[in-house]
Amino acid sequence: MAESDRLRLRSIHSEQPTDLEFVNERSERVHLYWINFKARRMHYADLDPGDRAVMHTYLTHPWVACDSADRRIAFFLPAPAPSRAVIR
């Protein structure tokens, strides 16, 4: 993802609630962050290998998973229906 695109990634509004289940399939702990309305990471959870966590979120709220050094692994955008985000 280009730097200019990353800077635009932010939460837009909190109108359509949904659930997003995160599943850590990596062999290391991952950090989960919600990207807030000012495009800043807000730490929400740490998942050990094999852990799962359901986040109650909104359709326009992006999430990022990072490794133990806080390097981005993946971005996730919630779906209208409850969905799963597998971190590999």
N, C-alpha and C. Protein backbone atom coordinates (compact mmCIF):
# COMPACT_ATOMS: atom_id res chain seq x y z
N MET A 1 0.85 -1.17 0.00
CA MET A 1 0.00 0.00 0.00
C MET A 1 0.89 1.23 0.00
N ALA A 2 0.58 2.16 -0.87
CA ALA A 2 1.37 3.40 -0.95
C ALA A 2 1.16 4.26 0.29
N GLU A 3 2.16 5.03 0.62
CA GLU A 3 2.09 5.91 1.80
C GLU A 3 0.88 6.83 1.73
N SER A 4 0.59 7.39 0.55
CA SER A 4 -0.56 8.30 0.43
C SER A 4 -1.87 7.58 0.70
N ASP A 5 -1.99 6.31 0.29
CA ASP A 5 -3.20 5.53 0.57
C ASP A 5 -3.30 5.23 2.05
N ARG A 6 -2.18 4.88 2.67
CA ARG A 6 -2.18 4.56 4.10
C ARG A 6 -2.63 5.76 4.92
N LEU A 7 -2.22 6.93 4.53
CA LEU A 7 -2.59 8.13 5.28
C LEU A 7 -4.07 8.43 5.18
N ARG A 8 -4.72 7.97 4.13
CA ARG A 8 -6.16 8.20 3.97
C ARG A 8 -7.00 7.15 4.68
N LEU A 9 -6.39 6.05 5.09
CA LEU A 9 -7.12 4.98 5.75
C LEU A 9 -7.49 5.43 7.16
N ARG A 10 -8.80 5.57 7.40
CA ARG A 10 -9.29 6.01 8.70
C ARG A 10 -10.75 5.62 8.83
N SER A 11 -11.24 5.64 10.05
CA SER A 11 -12.66 5.40 10.28
C SER A 11 -13.45 6.61 9.79
N ILE A 12 -14.63 6.34 9.24
CA ILE A 12 -15.42 7.42 8.67
C ILE A 12 -16.61 7.78 9.55
N HIS A 13 -17.41 6.79 9.92
CA HIS A 13 -18.56 7.03 10.79
C HIS A 13 -18.90 5.75 11.55
N SER A 14 -19.80 5.86 12.49
CA SER A 14 -20.20 4.71 13.32
C SER A 14 -21.70 4.48 13.17
N GLU A 15 -22.11 4.16 11.96
CA GLU A 15 -23.54 4.02 11.67
C GLU A 15 -24.00 2.59 11.47
N GLN A 16 -23.14 1.70 10.93
CA GLN A 16 -23.55 0.34 10.63
C GLN A 16 -22.73 -0.64 11.48
N PRO A 17 -23.28 -1.10 12.61
CA PRO A 17 -22.54 -2.02 13.46
C PRO A 17 -22.37 -3.40 12.82
N THR A 18 -21.30 -4.05 13.17
CA THR A 18 -21.02 -5.41 12.70
C THR A 18 -20.00 -6.04 13.64
N ASP A 19 -19.74 -7.32 13.48
CA ASP A 19 -18.73 -8.02 14.26
C ASP A 19 -17.65 -8.54 13.33
N LEU A 20 -16.41 -8.48 13.80
CA LEU A 20 -15.27 -8.99 13.05
C LEU A 20 -14.46 -9.87 13.99
N GLU A 21 -14.39 -11.17 13.66
CA GLU A 21 -13.63 -12.11 14.47
C GLU A 21 -12.21 -12.21 13.91
N PHE A 22 -11.22 -11.95 14.74
CA PHE A 22 -9.83 -12.08 14.35
C PHE A 22 -9.32 -13.43 14.82
N VAL A 23 -8.58 -14.11 13.95
CA VAL A 23 -8.00 -15.42 14.26
C VAL A 23 -6.51 -15.35 13.96
N ASN A 24 -5.68 -15.61 14.97
CA ASN A 24 -4.24 -15.58 14.77
C ASN A 24 -3.73 -16.97 14.41
N GLU A 25 -3.38 -17.16 13.14
CA GLU A 25 -2.82 -18.44 12.68
C GLU A 25 -1.30 -18.38 12.58
N ARG A 26 -0.71 -17.31 13.06
CA ARG A 26 0.75 -17.18 13.03
C ARG A 26 1.36 -17.90 14.23
N SER A 27 2.67 -18.06 14.22
CA SER A 27 3.37 -18.72 15.33
C SER A 27 3.87 -17.70 16.35
N GLU A 28 3.44 -16.46 16.21
CA GLU A 28 3.84 -15.40 17.14
C GLU A 28 2.62 -14.56 17.54
N ARG A 29 2.77 -13.82 18.60
CA ARG A 29 1.72 -12.89 19.06
C ARG A 29 1.54 -11.78 18.02
N VAL A 30 0.28 -11.36 17.85
CA VAL A 30 0.01 -10.22 16.98
C VAL A 30 -0.74 -9.15 17.78
N HIS A 31 -0.56 -7.91 17.37
CA HIS A 31 -1.23 -6.77 17.99
C HIS A 31 -2.33 -6.30 17.04
N LEU A 32 -3.51 -6.04 17.59
CA LEU A 32 -4.63 -5.53 16.79
C LEU A 32 -4.88 -4.07 17.11
N TYR A 33 -5.02 -3.30 16.06
CA TYR A 33 -5.28 -1.87 16.20
C TYR A 33 -6.48 -1.48 15.36
N TRP A 34 -7.32 -0.63 15.94
CA TRP A 34 -8.39 0.04 15.19
C TRP A 34 -7.79 1.33 14.67
N ILE A 35 -8.10 1.70 13.42
CA ILE A 35 -7.64 2.97 12.86
C ILE A 35 -8.74 3.99 13.12
N ASN A 36 -8.45 4.98 13.95
CA ASN A 36 -9.50 5.90 14.38
C ASN A 36 -9.83 6.97 13.33
N PHE A 37 -10.64 7.93 13.72
CA PHE A 37 -11.12 8.97 12.81
C PHE A 37 -10.03 9.94 12.38
N LYS A 38 -8.92 9.95 13.10
CA LYS A 38 -7.79 10.81 12.74
C LYS A 38 -6.65 10.01 12.09
N ALA A 39 -6.97 8.77 11.66
CA ALA A 39 -6.02 7.87 10.99
C ALA A 39 -4.90 7.40 11.92
N ARG A 40 -5.19 7.35 13.23
CA ARG A 40 -4.20 6.88 14.20
C ARG A 40 -4.56 5.48 14.69
N ARG A 41 -3.54 4.68 14.93
CA ARG A 41 -3.74 3.34 15.48
C ARG A 41 -4.14 3.42 16.94
N MET A 42 -5.17 2.66 17.30
CA MET A 42 -5.60 2.55 18.69
C MET A 42 -5.52 1.07 19.07
N HIS A 43 -4.65 0.73 20.03
CA HIS A 43 -4.44 -0.66 20.39
C HIS A 43 -5.70 -1.23 21.06
N TYR A 44 -6.12 -2.40 20.58
CA TYR A 44 -7.31 -3.04 21.13
C TYR A 44 -7.04 -4.39 21.75
N ALA A 45 -6.10 -5.16 21.19
CA ALA A 45 -5.88 -6.51 21.72
C ALA A 45 -4.55 -7.06 21.24
N ASP A 46 -4.07 -8.05 21.99
CA ASP A 46 -2.94 -8.88 21.57
C ASP A 46 -3.47 -10.30 21.48
N LEU A 47 -3.12 -10.98 20.40
CA LEU A 47 -3.56 -12.37 20.23
C LEU A 47 -2.34 -13.28 20.16
N ASP A 48 -2.29 -14.24 21.05
CA ASP A 48 -1.24 -15.24 21.01
C ASP A 48 -1.57 -16.23 19.88
N PRO A 49 -0.60 -17.06 19.47
CA PRO A 49 -0.87 -18.04 18.42
C PRO A 49 -2.10 -18.88 18.75
N GLY A 50 -2.99 -18.99 17.78
CA GLY A 50 -4.22 -19.77 17.96
C GLY A 50 -5.36 -19.03 18.61
N ASP A 51 -5.12 -17.85 19.15
CA ASP A 51 -6.18 -17.08 19.81
C ASP A 51 -7.15 -16.48 18.80
N ARG A 52 -8.35 -16.21 19.32
CA ARG A 52 -9.42 -15.56 18.56
C ARG A 52 -9.99 -14.44 19.42
N ALA A 53 -10.51 -13.41 18.74
CA ALA A 53 -11.18 -12.32 19.46
C ALA A 53 -12.21 -11.71 18.53
N VAL A 54 -13.40 -11.48 19.06
CA VAL A 54 -14.46 -10.82 18.28
C VAL A 54 -14.49 -9.35 18.69
N MET A 55 -14.39 -8.50 17.68
CA MET A 55 -14.47 -7.06 17.91
C MET A 55 -15.82 -6.56 17.40
N HIS A 56 -16.53 -5.86 18.26
CA HIS A 56 -17.76 -5.21 17.86
C HIS A 56 -17.32 -3.89 17.26
N THR A 57 -17.60 -3.69 15.98
CA THR A 57 -17.06 -2.56 15.24
C THR A 57 -18.12 -2.00 14.30
N TYR A 58 -17.68 -1.21 13.35
CA TYR A 58 -18.59 -0.60 12.38
C TYR A 58 -18.04 -0.79 10.98
N LEU A 59 -18.92 -0.75 10.01
CA LEU A 59 -18.59 -1.06 8.63
C LEU A 59 -17.42 -0.22 8.10
N THR A 60 -17.31 1.02 8.48
CA THR A 60 -16.27 1.89 7.93
C THR A 60 -15.06 2.03 8.86
N HIS A 61 -14.88 1.09 9.78
CA HIS A 61 -13.76 1.15 10.71
C HIS A 61 -12.68 0.14 10.31
N PRO A 62 -11.56 0.60 9.75
CA PRO A 62 -10.48 -0.31 9.38
C PRO A 62 -9.69 -0.79 10.60
N TRP A 63 -9.09 -1.95 10.44
CA TRP A 63 -8.27 -2.56 11.48
C TRP A 63 -6.93 -2.97 10.87
N VAL A 64 -5.89 -3.02 11.69
CA VAL A 64 -4.58 -3.48 11.23
C VAL A 64 -4.02 -4.47 12.24
N ALA A 65 -3.40 -5.51 11.72
CA ALA A 65 -2.69 -6.49 12.56
C ALA A 65 -1.21 -6.27 12.36
N CYS A 66 -0.45 -6.28 13.47
CA CYS A 66 0.99 -6.05 13.43
C CYS A 66 1.72 -7.17 14.16
N ASP A 67 2.98 -7.37 13.78
CA ASP A 67 3.79 -8.38 14.46
C ASP A 67 4.36 -7.81 15.77
N SER A 68 5.21 -8.57 16.43
CA SER A 68 5.72 -8.15 17.74
C SER A 68 6.61 -6.90 17.66
N ALA A 69 7.12 -6.59 16.47
CA ALA A 69 7.92 -5.37 16.28
C ALA A 69 7.04 -4.22 15.76
N ASP A 70 5.75 -4.43 15.77
CA ASP A 70 4.76 -3.45 15.30
C ASP A 70 4.83 -3.16 13.81
N ARG A 71 5.31 -4.14 13.05
CA ARG A 71 5.28 -4.04 11.58
C ARG A 71 3.95 -4.56 11.08
N ARG A 72 3.36 -3.84 10.15
CA ARG A 72 2.06 -4.21 9.60
C ARG A 72 2.10 -5.59 8.93
N ILE A 73 1.15 -6.44 9.29
CA ILE A 73 0.97 -7.74 8.65
C ILE A 73 -0.16 -7.64 7.62
N ALA A 74 -1.29 -7.04 8.05
CA ALA A 74 -2.45 -6.96 7.16
C ALA A 74 -3.43 -5.90 7.64
N PHE A 75 -4.20 -5.38 6.69
CA PHE A 75 -5.32 -4.49 6.98
C PHE A 75 -6.61 -5.27 6.79
N PHE A 76 -7.64 -4.93 7.58
CA PHE A 76 -8.93 -5.58 7.44
C PHE A 76 -10.03 -4.52 7.47
N LEU A 77 -11.02 -4.69 6.60
CA LEU A 77 -12.21 -3.84 6.61
C LEU A 77 -13.40 -4.73 6.93
N PRO A 78 -14.24 -4.35 7.90
CA PRO A 78 -15.40 -5.17 8.26
C PRO A 78 -16.40 -5.28 7.11
N ALA A 79 -17.14 -6.36 7.11
CA ALA A 79 -18.21 -6.60 6.14
C ALA A 79 -19.55 -6.31 6.82
N PRO A 80 -20.61 -6.13 6.03
CA PRO A 80 -21.92 -5.86 6.64
C PRO A 80 -22.40 -6.98 7.57
N ALA A 81 -22.11 -8.23 7.21
CA ALA A 81 -22.48 -9.36 8.06
C ALA A 81 -21.27 -9.74 8.92
N PRO A 82 -21.48 -10.35 10.07
CA PRO A 82 -20.34 -10.79 10.88
C PRO A 82 -19.37 -11.60 10.01
N SER A 83 -18.07 -11.33 10.19
CA SER A 83 -17.08 -11.98 9.33
C SER A 83 -15.84 -12.35 10.13
N ARG A 84 -14.91 -13.02 9.45
CA ARG A 84 -13.69 -13.50 10.10
C ARG A 84 -12.48 -12.92 9.37
N ALA A 85 -11.49 -12.49 10.14
CA ALA A 85 -10.22 -11.99 9.62
C ALA A 85 -9.14 -12.93 10.10
N VAL A 86 -8.59 -13.73 9.18
CA VAL A 86 -7.56 -14.70 9.54
C VAL A 86 -6.19 -14.05 9.31
N ILE A 87 -5.37 -14.06 10.34
CA ILE A 87 -4.04 -13.46 10.28
C ILE A 87 -3.04 -14.58 10.07
N ARG A 88 -2.39 -14.56 8.91
CA ARG A 88 -1.43 -15.62 8.55
C ARG A 88 -0.04 -15.07 8.43
